[in-house]
Amino acid sequence: MRALVVVGLLAVIALVFVVVAVVKDSQGTAGTAADCPDGWPLVDLRLREQKDVKINVYNATDESGRAGGVADDFRNRKFQVKKVGNESKEVDGVAVLRFGPKGVGSAHLLRAYFLNNAERVFLPDRKDDTVDVVLGNGFQQLATTTEVNQSLGDLGAPEAPPETCPMPVEK
């Protein structure tokens, strides 16, 4: 009987500690817009559907016309292709994704189409939600639907770039 009283008393004390810890939690706003330092941009981490993603496709390879074909591939996958053109400087890697605060979630989705082999360039002053897709000499083809889904699973949820904060989630 005495052991049961001791166990019950310990359970009540533990419950009190848990309630106090939750109520006095100073990290409740950590990683949110409410806790964002002055001057840090708020970024949109929503993972969008292809039909809601706006992209520009640029060729930075030594192969003429590459951007047009890849832009068509993206259109066939329901992306909104805004501009197609050439980049002045060649890229040796697979691709470069350039995006601003409103394009973080979209860039995350696009990473999967390059099997996480695209370099990411965050432009904190960019005002639109368009992502520039700059094709490099290492590019061969976009991932298949199955590969994209597997890659998204491997990538996990979009994360805010350094010195940024997530936008509040609309409910």
Protein backbone atom coordinates (compact mmCIF):
# COMPACT_ATOMS: atom_id res chain seq x y z
CA MET A 1 0.00 0.00 0.00
CA ARG A 2 2.80 2.38 0.93
CA ALA A 3 4.55 1.75 -2.42
CA LEU A 4 1.35 2.61 -4.25
CA VAL A 5 1.12 5.95 -2.41
CA VAL A 6 4.77 6.72 -3.26
CA VAL A 7 4.21 5.88 -6.95
CA GLY A 8 1.06 8.01 -7.01
CA LEU A 9 2.88 10.93 -5.37
CA LEU A 10 5.73 10.65 -7.90
CA ALA A 11 3.23 10.63 -10.76
CA VAL A 12 1.54 13.79 -9.46
CA ILE A 13 4.93 15.54 -9.06
CA ALA A 14 5.95 14.52 -12.59
CA LEU A 15 2.66 15.82 -13.96
CA VAL A 16 3.17 19.16 -12.19
CA PHE A 17 6.68 19.47 -13.68
CA VAL A 18 5.36 18.72 -17.18
CA VAL A 19 2.56 21.29 -16.90
CA VAL A 20 4.97 23.96 -15.56
CA ALA A 21 7.48 23.21 -18.34
CA VAL A 22 4.83 23.49 -21.06
CA VAL A 23 3.33 26.70 -19.64
CA LYS A 24 6.71 28.40 -19.14
CA ASP A 25 8.24 27.16 -22.41
CA SER A 26 10.36 30.01 -23.77
CA GLN A 27 10.86 28.26 -27.11
CA GLY A 28 7.18 28.30 -28.05
CA THR A 29 7.83 30.81 -30.82
CA ALA A 30 11.29 29.54 -31.81
CA GLY A 31 11.59 29.14 -35.56
CA THR A 32 8.43 31.13 -36.24
CA ALA A 33 7.75 34.60 -37.61
CA ALA A 34 6.98 35.86 -34.09
CA ASP A 35 10.55 35.01 -33.03
CA CYS A 36 12.19 36.27 -36.24
CA PRO A 37 15.09 38.73 -35.81
CA ASP A 38 14.68 42.14 -37.44
CA GLY A 39 15.76 42.19 -41.07
CA TRP A 40 15.48 38.46 -41.67
CA PRO A 41 13.10 37.64 -44.54
CA LEU A 42 10.06 35.43 -44.03
CA VAL A 43 10.11 32.47 -46.42
CA ASP A 44 7.27 30.41 -47.87
CA LEU A 45 7.92 26.74 -47.08
CA ARG A 46 4.70 25.40 -48.60
CA LEU A 47 5.36 22.50 -50.93
CA ARG A 48 3.33 23.41 -54.01
CA GLU A 49 1.79 21.30 -56.74
CA GLN A 50 3.47 21.50 -60.15
CA LYS A 51 0.58 23.53 -61.59
CA ASP A 52 1.26 26.26 -59.00
CA VAL A 53 5.03 26.50 -59.57
CA LYS A 54 6.36 29.27 -61.84
CA ILE A 55 9.76 28.76 -63.44
CA ASN A 56 12.17 30.34 -65.88
CA VAL A 57 14.40 27.89 -67.76
CA TYR A 58 17.85 29.00 -68.85
CA ASN A 59 20.50 27.14 -70.82
CA ALA A 60 24.01 27.37 -69.35
CA THR A 61 25.42 24.48 -71.39
CA ASP A 62 27.45 24.29 -74.56
CA GLU A 63 24.47 22.61 -76.28
CA SER A 64 22.27 25.04 -78.21
CA GLY A 65 18.49 24.94 -77.62
CA ARG A 66 18.63 22.86 -74.43
CA ALA A 67 16.39 25.21 -72.43
CA GLY A 68 13.52 24.94 -74.94
CA GLY A 69 13.33 21.16 -74.74
CA VAL A 70 13.51 21.10 -70.96
CA ALA A 71 10.93 23.89 -70.74
CA ASP A 72 8.61 21.69 -72.82
CA ASP A 73 9.26 18.78 -70.44
CA PHE A 74 8.32 21.02 -67.50
CA ARG A 75 5.17 22.24 -69.31
CA ASN A 76 4.17 18.61 -69.92
CA ARG A 77 4.48 18.10 -66.17
CA LYS A 78 2.12 21.05 -65.59
CA PHE A 79 4.68 23.66 -64.44
CA GLN A 80 4.10 27.31 -65.42
CA VAL A 81 7.07 28.15 -67.64
CA LYS A 82 7.42 31.95 -67.82
CA LYS A 83 10.72 32.55 -69.63
CA VAL A 84 13.10 30.43 -71.69
CA GLY A 85 16.53 31.66 -72.66
CA ASN A 86 20.29 31.42 -72.40
CA GLU A 87 22.54 32.17 -69.46
CA SER A 88 25.70 34.11 -70.19
CA LYS A 89 27.98 31.94 -68.03
CA GLU A 90 28.27 28.15 -68.42
CA VAL A 91 27.50 25.89 -65.45
CA ASP A 92 29.46 22.67 -65.06
CA GLY A 93 27.09 20.97 -62.61
CA VAL A 94 23.64 19.52 -63.27
CA ALA A 95 21.64 22.68 -62.60
CA VAL A 96 21.31 25.79 -60.46
CA LEU A 97 18.02 26.81 -58.84
CA ARG A 98 17.75 30.53 -58.04
CA PHE A 99 14.84 31.64 -55.88
CA GLY A 100 13.69 34.18 -53.35
CA PRO A 101 11.73 34.00 -50.08
CA LYS A 102 8.42 33.25 -51.86
CA GLY A 103 9.96 30.41 -53.89
CA VAL A 104 11.57 28.23 -51.19
CA GLY A 105 8.85 25.54 -51.26
CA SER A 106 8.78 25.56 -55.07
CA ALA A 107 12.57 25.21 -55.25
CA HIS A 108 12.34 22.27 -52.85
CA LEU A 109 9.96 20.50 -55.24
CA LEU A 110 12.25 21.28 -58.20
CA ARG A 111 15.23 19.77 -56.37
CA ALA A 112 13.48 16.41 -56.65
CA TYR A 113 13.35 16.73 -60.45
CA PHE A 114 17.15 16.91 -60.39
CA LEU A 115 17.45 14.16 -57.74
CA ASN A 116 18.91 16.69 -55.30
CA ASN A 117 21.84 17.39 -57.65
CA ALA A 118 20.95 21.02 -58.34
CA GLU A 119 22.85 23.80 -56.62
CA ARG A 120 20.54 26.15 -54.70
CA VAL A 121 21.05 29.91 -54.73
CA PHE A 122 18.81 31.84 -52.34
CA LEU A 123 18.25 35.48 -53.32
CA PRO A 124 16.81 37.21 -50.22
CA ASP A 125 15.90 40.39 -52.13
CA ARG A 126 13.90 38.63 -54.85
CA LYS A 127 10.24 39.67 -54.67
CA ASP A 128 8.45 37.09 -56.85
CA ASP A 129 7.78 33.37 -56.37
CA THR A 130 9.40 32.29 -59.65
CA VAL A 131 12.34 29.88 -59.59
CA ASP A 132 15.09 30.15 -62.19
CA VAL A 133 16.18 26.74 -63.45
CA VAL A 134 19.65 27.09 -64.95
CA LEU A 135 20.71 23.94 -66.80
CA GLY A 136 24.35 22.95 -66.55
CA ASN A 137 26.63 20.74 -68.64
CA GLY A 138 26.07 17.87 -66.19
CA PHE A 139 22.32 17.80 -66.90
CA GLN A 140 21.01 14.72 -68.72
CA GLN A 141 17.26 14.54 -68.10
CA LEU A 142 14.55 15.30 -65.57
CA ALA A 143 13.69 12.58 -63.08
CA THR A 144 10.71 10.31 -63.71
CA THR A 145 7.57 10.65 -61.59
CA THR A 146 8.61 7.68 -59.47
CA GLU A 147 12.11 9.10 -58.98
CA VAL A 148 10.66 12.51 -58.05
CA ASN A 149 8.39 10.93 -55.43
CA GLN A 150 11.27 8.93 -53.96
CA SER A 151 13.52 11.99 -53.97
CA LEU A 152 10.86 14.08 -52.20
CA GLY A 153 10.65 11.39 -49.54
CA ASP A 154 14.43 11.47 -49.12
CA LEU A 155 14.53 15.29 -49.01
CA GLY A 156 11.86 15.58 -46.32
CA ALA A 157 10.07 18.85 -45.66
CA PRO A 158 11.35 22.18 -47.03
CA GLU A 159 13.63 24.06 -44.64
CA ALA A 160 14.18 27.77 -44.27
CA PRO A 161 17.55 28.99 -45.62
CA PRO A 162 20.02 30.40 -43.07
CA GLU A 163 19.08 33.80 -41.62
CA THR A 164 15.43 33.49 -42.64
CA CYS A 165 12.24 32.55 -40.79
CA PRO A 166 9.22 30.52 -41.92
CA MET A 167 6.12 32.51 -42.90
CA PRO A 168 3.11 31.92 -40.68
CA VAL A 169 0.95 29.11 -41.99
CA GLU A 170 -2.49 30.28 -43.10
CA LYS A 171 -5.30 28.29 -41.53
